[in-house]
Amino acid sequence: MKRLTAFAALALLLASCAGNQTGAGGAGAPLVIARVKDAVILDPAQATDGMSLNLTQEMMKGLVEFKLGTFDVTPSIAQSWKMSADGLHWTFSLKKGLKFSDGTPIDAAAVKFNFDRWRLTKNPYHQNYPYGYYADMFGGFPGLIKDVAAPDAQTVVFTLARPLGPFLRDLAMPPFAIASPSAVRGDLADFGTRPVGYGPYMLKEWVKDDHITLAANPTWQGVKPVYGTVIVRDIPDQATSVLEMQRGGIDVLTDPRPDDAVQLAKRSGITVYQQPSNNNSYVALNVQKAPFGKLAVRQAIAYAIDVRAIVKAFYTAGAVVASNWTPPGMLGENPALQPYPYDPAKAKQLLAQAGLPNGFSTNLYYPTIPRPYMPEPQRIAEAIQADLKKAGINVTLEPFEWGVFLDKIRNGEHEMCLIGWSGDNGDPDNFFYPLLDKDSALAKPNGQNYSFWEDDAFHGLILKGQATLDDAARAAIYRQANAMVHDLVPALPIVHTTVPVVLKSAIGGFVPSPDTHIAFEYLHPK
């Protein structure tokens, strides 16, 4: 009865939404997306997960954004920008006449309001909210951004403490989208569930753990959406979502299991796209908990896990066994590095050197839902458990719902965790600084360094990479950073993989994106 009631409610929702559409060819139907899990929060400044940020991009834009399908920076709220010769000052000129979806103007004061809210802990709208991406990308609060000035309504000037090579790409990331100051001031506590910004869509309804409904934003001055309504459904049972896709009940299915993607690709009327590899699935080792502070123990873990077998068993042909921390082809890739060979005997030898000849017991936290970089977390966790057992390491598996999982690992409750990262901006700093630098570790629980590794030499190297503006010089720095991560093993990378997404063949306009974002406004019936 509960399931029947849910389907009946969905049918009523679809019917009510279909009455005011402007679909191509007079179709009038909403666009229906299926995902395995709901968003955690819809304030992008507080979000750290793709489930949230992929949707917030449709409702809120920043000063700049990425050209569809690439990491090339293009104008958004800003129409132009320039950097001072010393790299310490960035000046942005804003487009005129833009408005947030609540009708209030987008001006320099609004931009300054947002950045001051994030970076200044004493700002009345900062409060005790997590701003993980701000802390990770800019080194804490206030971090590298010393000042944000609005000398006139159309000009914003950033002053940095030191040059930051990826600064422009950082600003294009969805966590730095600009919110309506009126909406934040009016209801700060609920802004994460009722966001207001500037984007092709705005939030119409959020029924937690069921669906999110977006409606086309009439104030949007970019590409006009063909679909006036988008319904994003949460279908945790993947067999159900596959069946719905086959029946035509949904238009788009994200994050299918590899086997399901292969089978769906064989069906008439369905197209499976592969989004570019721009991720890293890895095991984070919490070095602040014994015995992971010992290098020999971390190296033993690396030899004990058969990463090649895991990739072969649980990933498709687009997956590459990780040798570098950063994805293949990214600036700073180190071709001299190779994945650790599977060698349980070597692992036991290293454990003995670390004073653990009889092994030890530990835990492995992992999420219960698939992610773009981890299609079957339960089975991957079980494979890791079995591998480590052969080396004398007894692992207790600790599965958690996605939001709970994130809270626990941010606070460092785990000893090991199975996690991953989809790159945000195409820059190696985006993989090294948030995930492994000591600034992120010290920002707990705001940071995303789940190894809580605080290596001063690595920190100095990453700061040097940030402050260097020449790409050739930066590449040399990040090749060295990849080597350090490989040798010191604060975390063990497993795989870099392409990400499948399934669409009805009758839908056009889809462009595979390296950050897995689906731009709904570009989709249309063929």
Protein backbone atom coordinates (compact mmCIF):
# COMPACT_ATOMS: atom_id res chain seq x y z
CA MET A 1 0.00 0.00 0.00
CA LYS A 2 2.86 2.36 0.79
CA ARG A 3 4.39 1.77 -2.65
CA LEU A 4 1.03 2.20 -4.38
CA THR A 5 0.45 5.44 -2.51
CA ALA A 6 3.87 6.73 -3.57
CA PHE A 7 3.20 5.91 -7.23
CA ALA A 8 -0.22 7.55 -7.04
CA ALA A 9 1.30 10.69 -5.56
CA LEU A 10 3.92 10.75 -8.29
CA ALA A 11 1.25 10.38 -10.96
CA LEU A 12 -0.64 13.36 -9.53
CA LEU A 13 2.58 15.36 -9.39
CA LEU A 14 3.38 14.59 -13.03
CA ALA A 15 -0.14 15.49 -14.07
CA SER A 16 -0.10 18.79 -12.21
CA CYS A 17 3.31 19.69 -13.63
CA ALA A 18 2.38 18.82 -17.21
CA GLY A 19 -0.31 21.42 -17.45
CA ASN A 20 1.98 24.44 -17.67
CA GLN A 21 4.86 23.23 -19.82
CA THR A 22 6.42 24.68 -22.94
CA GLY A 23 8.03 21.50 -24.25
CA ALA A 24 9.17 21.28 -27.86
CA GLY A 25 6.52 20.15 -30.29
CA GLY A 26 3.82 20.90 -27.74
CA ALA A 27 4.73 17.77 -25.79
CA GLY A 28 4.19 19.60 -22.51
CA ALA A 29 5.67 16.83 -20.35
CA PRO A 30 8.22 17.47 -17.61
CA LEU A 31 11.74 16.10 -17.79
CA VAL A 32 12.07 13.26 -15.25
CA ILE A 33 15.51 12.37 -13.83
CA ALA A 34 16.21 9.33 -11.64
CA ARG A 35 19.05 9.22 -9.12
CA VAL A 36 19.94 6.78 -6.36
CA LYS A 37 19.92 9.35 -3.57
CA ASP A 38 18.58 12.75 -2.64
CA ALA A 39 20.62 15.90 -2.25
CA VAL A 40 22.02 16.59 1.20
CA ILE A 41 21.58 20.38 1.08
CA LEU A 42 20.80 22.93 -1.63
CA ASP A 43 22.92 25.80 -0.36
CA PRO A 44 25.98 25.22 -2.58
CA ALA A 45 28.26 27.02 -0.14
CA GLN A 46 27.54 24.30 2.43
CA ALA A 47 27.38 21.32 0.07
CA THR A 48 30.32 19.01 -0.61
CA ASP A 49 28.61 16.18 -2.51
CA GLY A 50 27.76 15.84 -6.17
CA MET A 51 24.15 14.89 -5.48
CA SER A 52 23.65 18.39 -4.10
CA LEU A 53 26.01 20.45 -6.26
CA ASN A 54 24.87 19.02 -9.60
CA LEU A 55 21.41 20.39 -8.85
CA THR A 56 22.44 23.70 -7.31
CA GLN A 57 24.21 24.53 -10.59
CA GLU A 58 20.79 24.70 -12.22
CA MET A 59 19.50 27.18 -9.65
CA MET A 60 22.51 29.34 -8.82
CA LYS A 61 25.43 30.67 -10.85
CA GLY A 62 28.66 32.35 -9.84
CA LEU A 63 30.79 35.09 -11.30
CA VAL A 64 32.12 32.70 -13.93
CA GLU A 65 31.30 29.15 -15.01
CA PHE A 66 32.66 26.35 -17.17
CA LYS A 67 31.82 26.06 -20.82
CA LEU A 68 29.50 23.10 -21.25
CA GLY A 69 31.44 19.84 -21.43
CA THR A 70 34.80 21.42 -20.57
CA PHE A 71 36.73 23.21 -17.85
CA ASP A 72 37.19 26.32 -19.96
CA VAL A 73 36.11 29.37 -17.94
CA THR A 74 33.41 31.58 -19.46
CA PRO A 75 31.44 34.60 -18.18
CA SER A 76 28.35 34.12 -16.05
CA ILE A 77 27.35 36.91 -13.66
CA ALA A 78 30.59 38.66 -14.58
CA GLN A 79 31.12 39.74 -18.17
CA SER A 80 34.90 40.25 -17.94
CA TRP A 81 37.82 40.11 -15.52
CA LYS A 82 41.51 40.92 -15.23
CA MET A 83 44.37 39.95 -12.94
CA SER A 84 47.03 42.38 -11.72
CA ALA A 85 50.63 41.77 -12.81
CA ASP A 86 51.56 40.49 -9.35
CA GLY A 87 48.59 38.10 -9.21
CA LEU A 88 47.25 39.64 -6.01
CA HIS A 89 44.26 41.56 -7.35
CA TRP A 90 41.38 40.32 -9.50
CA THR A 91 38.81 42.76 -10.86
CA PHE A 92 35.46 41.56 -12.21
CA SER A 93 33.00 43.64 -14.21
CA LEU A 94 29.42 42.43 -13.78
CA LYS A 95 26.72 42.16 -16.43
CA LYS A 96 24.03 44.79 -16.12
CA GLY A 97 20.36 44.16 -15.48
CA LEU A 98 20.59 40.67 -13.99
CA LYS A 99 18.18 39.67 -11.23
CA PHE A 100 17.92 36.82 -8.78
CA SER A 101 14.83 34.63 -9.10
CA ASP A 102 13.22 36.63 -6.26
CA GLY A 103 13.47 39.77 -8.40
CA THR A 104 16.24 41.50 -6.45
CA PRO A 105 19.20 42.93 -8.40
CA ILE A 106 22.51 41.14 -8.86
CA ASP A 107 25.18 43.72 -8.16
CA ALA A 108 28.63 44.03 -6.64
CA ALA A 109 27.18 44.41 -3.15
CA ALA A 110 25.45 41.02 -3.52
CA VAL A 111 28.71 39.36 -4.56
CA LYS A 112 30.57 40.92 -1.65
CA PHE A 113 27.79 39.84 0.74
CA ASN A 114 28.23 36.20 -0.28
CA PHE A 115 32.01 36.11 -0.02
CA ASP A 116 31.98 37.93 3.31
CA ARG A 117 29.38 35.48 4.61
CA TRP A 118 31.61 32.52 3.71
CA ARG A 119 35.04 33.83 4.68
CA LEU A 120 34.43 35.91 7.82
CA THR A 121 33.60 33.88 10.90
CA LYS A 122 32.26 36.95 12.70
CA ASN A 123 29.89 37.82 9.87
CA PRO A 124 26.34 37.48 11.26
CA TYR A 125 25.36 35.20 8.36
CA HIS A 126 28.36 32.89 8.63
CA GLN A 127 27.32 31.41 11.97
CA ASN A 128 28.29 27.77 12.61
CA TYR A 129 27.55 26.45 9.14
CA PRO A 130 30.12 24.32 7.29
CA TYR A 131 31.69 25.95 4.27
CA GLY A 132 33.89 23.01 3.33
CA TYR A 133 34.79 24.04 -0.18
CA TYR A 134 35.69 27.58 0.85
CA ALA A 135 37.99 26.25 3.57
CA ASP A 136 39.51 23.70 1.21
CA MET A 137 40.08 25.90 -1.81
CA PHE A 138 41.15 29.08 -0.01
CA GLY A 139 42.88 27.72 3.09
CA GLY A 140 40.45 28.39 5.90
CA PHE A 141 38.70 31.55 7.11
CA PRO A 142 39.30 34.14 5.78
CA GLY A 143 42.05 32.24 4.01
CA LEU A 144 43.72 33.60 0.89
CA ILE A 145 41.01 36.15 0.14
CA LYS A 146 42.10 39.13 2.21
CA ASP A 147 39.44 41.52 1.00
CA VAL A 148 36.42 41.80 -1.29
CA ALA A 149 35.54 45.32 -2.37
CA ALA A 150 32.60 46.72 -4.33
CA PRO A 151 33.79 50.14 -5.52
CA ASP A 152 30.66 50.52 -7.65
CA ALA A 153 27.54 48.53 -8.48
CA GLN A 154 29.14 46.68 -11.41
CA THR A 155 32.69 46.09 -10.09
CA VAL A 156 34.08 43.57 -7.63
CA VAL A 157 37.75 43.54 -6.60
CA PHE A 158 39.39 40.60 -4.80
CA THR A 159 42.66 41.05 -2.93
CA LEU A 160 44.61 37.85 -2.28
CA ALA A 161 47.25 37.18 0.34
CA ARG A 162 49.42 35.57 -2.35
CA PRO A 163 49.01 34.60 -6.00
CA LEU A 164 46.70 31.66 -6.60
CA GLY A 165 47.11 29.99 -9.99
CA PRO A 166 43.72 28.22 -10.05
CA PHE A 167 41.77 31.17 -8.59
CA LEU A 168 39.61 31.76 -11.67
CA ARG A 169 38.79 28.07 -12.03
CA ASP A 170 38.01 27.90 -8.33
CA LEU A 171 35.45 30.69 -8.70
CA ALA A 172 33.77 28.77 -11.53
CA MET A 173 33.02 25.87 -9.19
CA PRO A 174 29.38 25.49 -8.02
CA PRO A 175 30.09 26.06 -4.28
CA PHE A 176 30.85 29.70 -5.08
CA ALA A 177 27.52 30.46 -6.71
CA ILE A 178 25.99 33.77 -5.63
CA ALA A 179 22.88 33.65 -3.45
CA SER A 180 20.24 36.34 -3.13
CA PRO A 181 21.23 38.40 -0.05
CA SER A 182 17.54 39.14 0.56
CA ALA A 183 16.75 35.43 0.74
CA VAL A 184 19.70 34.69 3.04
CA ARG A 185 18.83 37.55 5.36
CA GLY A 186 15.15 36.66 5.31
CA ASP A 187 15.52 33.00 6.30
CA LEU A 188 19.10 31.95 6.93
CA ALA A 189 18.17 28.78 8.78
CA ASP A 190 16.14 27.40 5.89
CA PHE A 191 18.18 28.73 2.98
CA GLY A 192 19.71 25.28 2.47
CA THR A 193 16.27 23.87 1.74
CA ARG A 194 14.88 26.90 -0.11
CA PRO A 195 17.75 28.40 -2.12
CA VAL A 196 17.34 31.54 -4.22
CA GLY A 197 19.88 32.50 -6.85
CA TYR A 198 20.30 33.11 -10.55
CA GLY A 199 20.07 30.12 -12.86
CA PRO A 200 17.92 28.54 -15.56
CA TYR A 201 15.72 26.91 -12.93
CA MET A 202 14.44 27.65 -9.46
CA LEU A 203 13.25 25.35 -6.71
CA LYS A 204 9.53 24.60 -6.77
CA GLU A 205 9.31 21.72 -4.29
CA TRP A 206 11.56 19.46 -2.26
CA VAL A 207 10.04 16.35 -0.70
CA LYS A 208 13.00 14.92 1.16
CA ASP A 209 14.11 11.46 0.00
CA ASP A 210 11.43 11.41 -2.67
CA HIS A 211 11.78 14.12 -5.32
CA ILE A 212 12.90 17.65 -6.13
CA THR A 213 10.91 19.71 -8.61
CA LEU A 214 12.51 22.58 -10.50
CA ALA A 215 10.64 25.21 -12.51
CA ALA A 216 12.06 27.37 -15.29
CA ASN A 217 13.26 30.74 -13.97
CA PRO A 218 11.61 33.65 -15.83
CA THR A 219 14.42 36.05 -14.84
CA TRP A 220 17.12 33.87 -16.45
CA GLN A 221 18.82 35.55 -19.41
CA GLY A 222 20.82 32.58 -20.68
CA VAL A 223 19.72 29.62 -22.79
CA LYS A 224 15.98 29.29 -22.23
CA PRO A 225 14.93 25.87 -20.95
CA VAL A 226 12.65 23.87 -23.24
CA TYR A 227 11.41 21.81 -20.31
CA GLY A 228 9.48 24.12 -18.02
CA THR A 229 9.59 21.58 -15.21
CA VAL A 230 12.25 19.08 -14.16
CA ILE A 231 11.44 16.38 -11.62
CA VAL A 232 14.43 14.70 -9.96
CA ARG A 233 13.32 11.42 -8.39
CA ASP A 234 15.17 9.46 -5.72
CA ILE A 235 15.07 5.73 -6.50
CA PRO A 236 17.50 3.93 -4.17
CA ASP A 237 16.69 0.50 -5.63
CA GLN A 238 18.61 0.40 -8.88
CA ALA A 239 16.61 -2.50 -10.29
CA THR A 240 13.51 -0.31 -10.02
CA SER A 241 15.16 2.61 -11.81
CA VAL A 242 16.35 0.35 -14.62
CA LEU A 243 12.84 -1.04 -15.03
CA GLU A 244 11.42 2.49 -15.07
CA MET A 245 13.94 3.48 -17.73
CA GLN A 246 12.96 0.50 -19.85
CA ARG A 247 9.27 1.30 -19.49
CA GLY A 248 9.79 4.94 -20.41
CA GLY A 249 8.74 6.31 -17.01
CA ILE A 250 11.95 8.32 -16.65
CA ASP A 251 13.95 10.31 -19.19
CA VAL A 252 17.41 10.31 -17.62
CA LEU A 253 19.12 7.84 -15.28
CA THR A 254 22.35 8.82 -13.55
CA ASP A 255 24.99 6.55 -11.99
CA PRO A 256 23.74 3.16 -13.26
CA ARG A 257 25.68 0.09 -12.24
CA PRO A 258 28.14 -0.93 -14.98
CA ASP A 259 26.22 -4.11 -15.83
CA ASP A 260 22.95 -2.19 -16.03
CA ALA A 261 24.52 0.41 -18.32
CA VAL A 262 25.70 -2.34 -20.66
CA GLN A 263 22.26 -3.93 -20.81
CA LEU A 264 20.41 -0.63 -21.24
CA ALA A 265 22.70 0.32 -24.12
CA LYS A 266 21.39 -2.70 -26.05
CA ARG A 267 17.78 -1.53 -25.91
CA SER A 268 16.12 0.42 -28.67
CA GLY A 269 15.24 4.00 -27.76
CA ILE A 270 17.92 4.28 -25.05
CA THR A 271 21.37 5.87 -25.34
CA VAL A 272 24.17 5.44 -22.81
CA TYR A 273 26.77 8.21 -22.75
CA GLN A 274 30.16 8.05 -21.06
CA GLN A 275 31.20 11.18 -19.22
CA PRO A 276 34.97 11.86 -19.18
CA SER A 277 37.19 10.39 -16.49
CA ASN A 278 37.80 13.12 -13.93
CA ASN A 279 37.71 11.36 -10.60
CA ASN A 280 39.53 9.28 -8.05
CA SER A 281 38.08 6.47 -5.96
CA TYR A 282 40.30 5.79 -2.99
CA VAL A 283 40.76 4.42 0.52
CA ALA A 284 41.62 7.17 3.02
CA LEU A 285 43.79 6.07 5.94
CA ASN A 286 43.25 8.14 9.07
CA VAL A 287 46.84 8.80 10.12
CA GLN A 288 45.70 10.24 13.44
CA LYS A 289 44.51 6.82 14.54
CA ALA A 290 46.87 3.95 15.33
CA PRO A 291 48.48 2.25 13.57
CA PHE A 292 48.04 4.34 10.42
CA GLY A 293 50.53 6.95 11.56
CA LYS A 294 53.25 4.44 10.62
CA LEU A 295 54.40 4.56 7.00
CA ALA A 296 55.08 0.81 6.92
CA VAL A 297 51.45 0.10 7.86
CA ARG A 298 50.13 2.35 5.11
CA GLN A 299 52.46 0.74 2.58
CA ALA A 300 51.31 -2.67 3.78
CA ILE A 301 47.71 -1.67 3.01
CA ALA A 302 48.81 -0.64 -0.49
CA TYR A 303 50.43 -4.01 -1.17
CA ALA A 304 47.57 -5.96 0.42
CA ILE A 305 44.71 -4.57 -1.72
CA ASP A 306 44.43 -6.05 -5.21
CA VAL A 307 43.39 -2.85 -6.97
CA ARG A 308 43.68 -4.40 -10.43
CA ALA A 309 41.23 -7.16 -9.54
CA ILE A 310 38.81 -4.64 -8.03
CA VAL A 311 38.84 -2.48 -11.15
CA LYS A 312 38.39 -5.52 -13.40
CA ALA A 313 35.50 -6.88 -11.35
CA PHE A 314 33.48 -3.76 -10.62
CA TYR A 315 34.20 -1.23 -13.36
CA THR A 316 33.68 -0.99 -17.12
CA ALA A 317 36.17 -0.57 -19.96
CA GLY A 318 36.44 3.16 -19.30
CA ALA A 319 38.19 2.56 -15.96
CA VAL A 320 41.94 2.90 -15.41
CA VAL A 321 43.80 1.47 -12.43
CA ALA A 322 45.14 4.48 -10.55
CA SER A 323 48.88 5.06 -10.46
CA ASN A 324 48.70 8.84 -9.91
CA TRP A 325 46.49 10.66 -7.44
CA THR A 326 45.23 12.87 -10.27
CA PRO A 327 43.28 11.54 -13.28
CA PRO A 328 45.04 10.58 -16.54
CA GLY A 329 46.01 13.49 -18.73
CA MET A 330 45.75 16.16 -16.01
CA LEU A 331 48.53 18.68 -15.59
CA GLY A 332 51.26 17.12 -13.42
CA GLU A 333 50.64 13.47 -14.32
CA ASN A 334 53.74 11.45 -13.39
CA PRO A 335 54.31 8.65 -15.95
CA ALA A 336 57.04 7.06 -13.82
CA LEU A 337 54.56 5.92 -11.19
CA GLN A 338 52.96 2.49 -11.20
CA PRO A 339 50.14 1.05 -9.05
CA TYR A 340 51.33 -1.00 -6.09
CA PRO A 341 51.53 -4.69 -7.04
CA TYR A 342 49.31 -7.10 -5.15
CA ASP A 343 51.70 -8.79 -2.71
CA PRO A 344 50.23 -10.10 0.60
CA ALA A 345 53.63 -11.50 1.62
CA LYS A 346 55.23 -8.07 1.25
CA ALA A 347 52.34 -6.60 3.24
CA LYS A 348 52.97 -9.04 6.10
CA GLN A 349 56.67 -8.21 6.03
CA LEU A 350 55.94 -4.50 6.34
CA LEU A 351 53.50 -5.10 9.20
CA ALA A 352 56.20 -7.04 11.05
CA GLN A 353 58.61 -4.13 10.52
CA ALA A 354 55.97 -1.87 12.06
CA GLY A 355 55.79 -4.08 15.15
CA LEU A 356 52.59 -5.84 14.10
CA PRO A 357 53.69 -9.38 13.17
CA ASN A 358 50.22 -10.71 13.97
CA GLY A 359 48.41 -7.99 12.06
CA PHE A 360 45.71 -5.82 13.62
CA SER A 361 41.99 -5.07 13.55
CA THR A 362 40.43 -1.96 12.09
CA ASN A 363 37.26 -0.64 10.44
CA LEU A 364 36.28 0.55 6.99
CA TYR A 365 33.51 3.12 6.63
CA TYR A 366 31.73 3.31 3.28
CA PRO A 367 28.51 4.77 1.82
CA THR A 368 25.52 2.59 1.06
CA ILE A 369 24.74 4.32 -2.25
CA PRO A 370 26.71 4.16 -5.49
CA ARG A 371 28.68 7.18 -6.59
CA PRO A 372 30.00 8.10 -10.06
CA TYR A 373 33.46 6.88 -9.06
CA MET A 374 32.18 3.88 -7.05
CA PRO A 375 29.24 2.01 -8.65
CA GLU A 376 29.07 -0.84 -6.11
CA PRO A 377 30.44 0.29 -2.75
CA GLN A 378 29.26 -2.75 -0.80
CA ARG A 379 30.98 -5.25 -3.08
CA ILE A 380 34.14 -3.14 -3.33
CA ALA A 381 34.28 -2.86 0.48
CA GLU A 382 33.87 -6.64 0.78
CA ALA A 383 36.70 -7.19 -1.71
CA ILE A 384 38.99 -4.90 0.28
CA GLN A 385 38.02 -6.70 3.48
CA ALA A 386 38.88 -10.08 1.93
CA ASP A 387 42.22 -8.84 0.57
CA LEU A 388 43.31 -7.33 3.88
CA LYS A 389 42.32 -10.49 5.73
CA LYS A 390 44.93 -12.41 3.73
CA ALA A 391 47.59 -10.04 5.05
CA GLY A 392 46.45 -10.46 8.66
CA ILE A 393 44.37 -7.29 8.87
CA ASN A 394 40.85 -7.91 10.20
CA VAL A 395 38.41 -5.32 8.91
CA THR A 396 34.95 -4.57 10.27
CA LEU A 397 32.76 -3.08 7.57
CA GLU A 398 30.76 -0.01 8.62
CA PRO A 399 28.14 1.02 6.02
CA PHE A 400 26.29 4.33 6.41
CA GLU A 401 23.63 6.34 4.63
CA TRP A 402 25.29 9.07 2.54
CA GLY A 403 24.61 12.09 4.76
CA VAL A 404 25.54 10.21 7.94
CA PHE A 405 28.65 8.84 6.24
CA LEU A 406 29.84 12.33 5.33
CA ASP A 407 29.25 13.63 8.86
CA LYS A 408 31.21 10.77 10.40
CA ILE A 409 34.25 10.94 8.14
CA ARG A 410 34.40 14.75 8.36
CA ASN A 411 34.72 14.35 12.10
CA GLY A 412 37.37 11.64 11.77
CA GLU A 413 35.42 8.82 13.41
CA HIS A 414 36.74 6.26 10.91
CA GLU A 415 40.06 4.45 10.77
CA MET A 416 39.73 3.78 7.04
CA CYS A 417 37.05 4.98 4.66
CA LEU A 418 36.14 4.15 1.08
CA ILE A 419 35.41 7.42 -0.66
CA GLY A 420 36.10 9.28 -3.88
CA TRP A 421 36.19 12.63 -5.60
CA SER A 422 34.83 13.99 -8.83
CA GLY A 423 37.03 16.86 -9.95
CA ASP A 424 35.52 20.33 -9.87
CA ASN A 425 37.67 22.48 -12.12
CA GLY A 426 40.20 20.50 -14.16
CA ASP A 427 43.15 21.67 -12.07
CA PRO A 428 45.44 19.33 -10.07
CA ASP A 429 45.21 21.64 -7.07
CA ASN A 430 41.55 20.59 -6.82
CA PHE A 431 42.67 17.01 -6.11
CA PHE A 432 45.65 17.72 -3.87
CA TYR A 433 44.73 20.71 -1.71
CA PRO A 434 41.19 19.79 -0.54
CA LEU A 435 41.86 16.07 -0.15
CA LEU A 436 45.39 15.80 1.27
CA ASP A 437 46.79 19.15 2.39
CA LYS A 438 47.17 19.92 6.08
CA ASP A 439 45.07 23.09 5.77
CA SER A 440 42.11 20.85 4.99
CA ALA A 441 42.98 18.47 7.83
CA LEU A 442 43.16 21.35 10.30
CA ALA A 443 39.79 22.66 9.09
CA LYS A 444 37.96 19.66 10.61
CA PRO A 445 34.97 19.25 10.33
CA ASN A 446 34.90 21.69 7.41
CA GLY A 447 37.74 20.08 5.46
CA GLN A 448 37.72 17.09 3.16
CA ASN A 449 41.10 15.61 4.01
CA TYR A 450 39.74 12.36 5.43
CA SER A 451 43.25 11.03 6.00
CA PHE A 452 43.94 13.98 8.35
CA TRP A 453 47.48 13.94 7.00
CA GLU A 454 49.57 16.99 7.92
CA ASP A 455 52.84 16.71 6.03
CA ASP A 456 54.78 19.99 6.05
CA ALA A 457 56.88 19.16 2.99
CA PHE A 458 53.79 18.27 0.99
CA HIS A 459 52.06 21.42 2.24
CA GLY A 460 54.94 23.58 1.06
CA LEU A 461 54.90 21.90 -2.33
CA ILE A 462 51.17 22.45 -2.81
CA LEU A 463 51.40 26.11 -1.78
CA LYS A 464 54.20 26.52 -4.30
CA GLY A 465 51.99 24.97 -6.97
CA GLN A 466 49.19 27.38 -6.13
CA ALA A 467 51.43 30.42 -6.24
CA THR A 468 53.05 29.45 -9.56
CA LEU A 469 51.31 30.88 -12.61
CA ASP A 470 53.30 29.15 -15.37
CA ASP A 471 51.78 25.80 -16.40
CA ALA A 472 55.09 24.11 -17.23
CA ALA A 473 56.48 24.97 -13.81
CA ARG A 474 53.25 23.87 -12.14
CA ALA A 475 53.36 20.53 -13.98
CA ALA A 476 56.79 19.75 -12.48
CA ILE A 477 55.49 20.58 -9.00
CA TYR A 478 52.47 18.33 -9.30
CA ARG A 479 54.50 15.45 -10.72
CA GLN A 480 56.47 15.61 -7.48
CA ALA A 481 53.24 15.81 -5.46
CA ASN A 482 51.92 12.68 -7.18
CA ALA A 483 55.16 10.88 -6.30
CA MET A 484 54.90 11.91 -2.64
CA VAL A 485 51.33 10.64 -2.34
CA HIS A 486 52.30 7.38 -4.03
CA ASP A 487 55.28 6.80 -1.74
CA LEU A 488 53.85 8.04 1.57
CA VAL A 489 50.35 6.55 1.08
CA PRO A 490 48.12 8.83 3.15
CA ALA A 491 45.43 7.39 0.93
CA LEU A 492 45.42 4.64 -1.69
CA PRO A 493 43.95 5.57 -5.08
CA ILE A 494 42.11 2.70 -6.75
CA VAL A 495 40.64 3.86 -10.04
CA HIS A 496 39.91 6.73 -12.40
CA THR A 497 36.81 5.95 -14.42
CA THR A 498 34.41 7.27 -17.00
CA VAL A 499 30.86 7.75 -15.72
CA PRO A 500 27.81 6.41 -17.59
CA VAL A 501 24.55 8.32 -17.84
CA VAL A 502 21.44 6.99 -19.58
CA LEU A 503 18.99 9.05 -21.65
CA LYS A 504 16.06 8.35 -23.86
CA SER A 505 17.34 8.51 -27.44
CA ALA A 506 14.50 10.93 -28.22
CA ILE A 507 16.16 13.58 -26.03
CA GLY A 508 18.78 15.80 -27.62
CA GLY A 509 21.16 18.45 -26.37
CA PHE A 510 23.07 16.36 -23.85
CA VAL A 511 26.79 17.13 -23.59
CA PRO A 512 28.91 14.76 -21.45
CA SER A 513 30.68 16.81 -18.79
CA PRO A 514 33.86 16.03 -16.81
CA ASP A 515 32.18 17.20 -13.60
CA THR A 516 29.07 14.98 -14.25
CA HIS A 517 26.79 18.04 -14.30
CA ILE A 518 23.73 17.69 -16.54
CA ALA A 519 22.62 21.06 -17.92
CA PHE A 520 18.85 20.57 -18.07
CA GLU A 521 18.33 23.83 -19.97
CA TYR A 522 20.12 22.41 -23.01
CA LEU A 523 18.00 19.23 -23.20
CA HIS A 524 15.11 19.06 -25.63
CA PRO A 525 12.90 16.55 -27.42
CA LYS A 526 14.36 15.67 -30.82
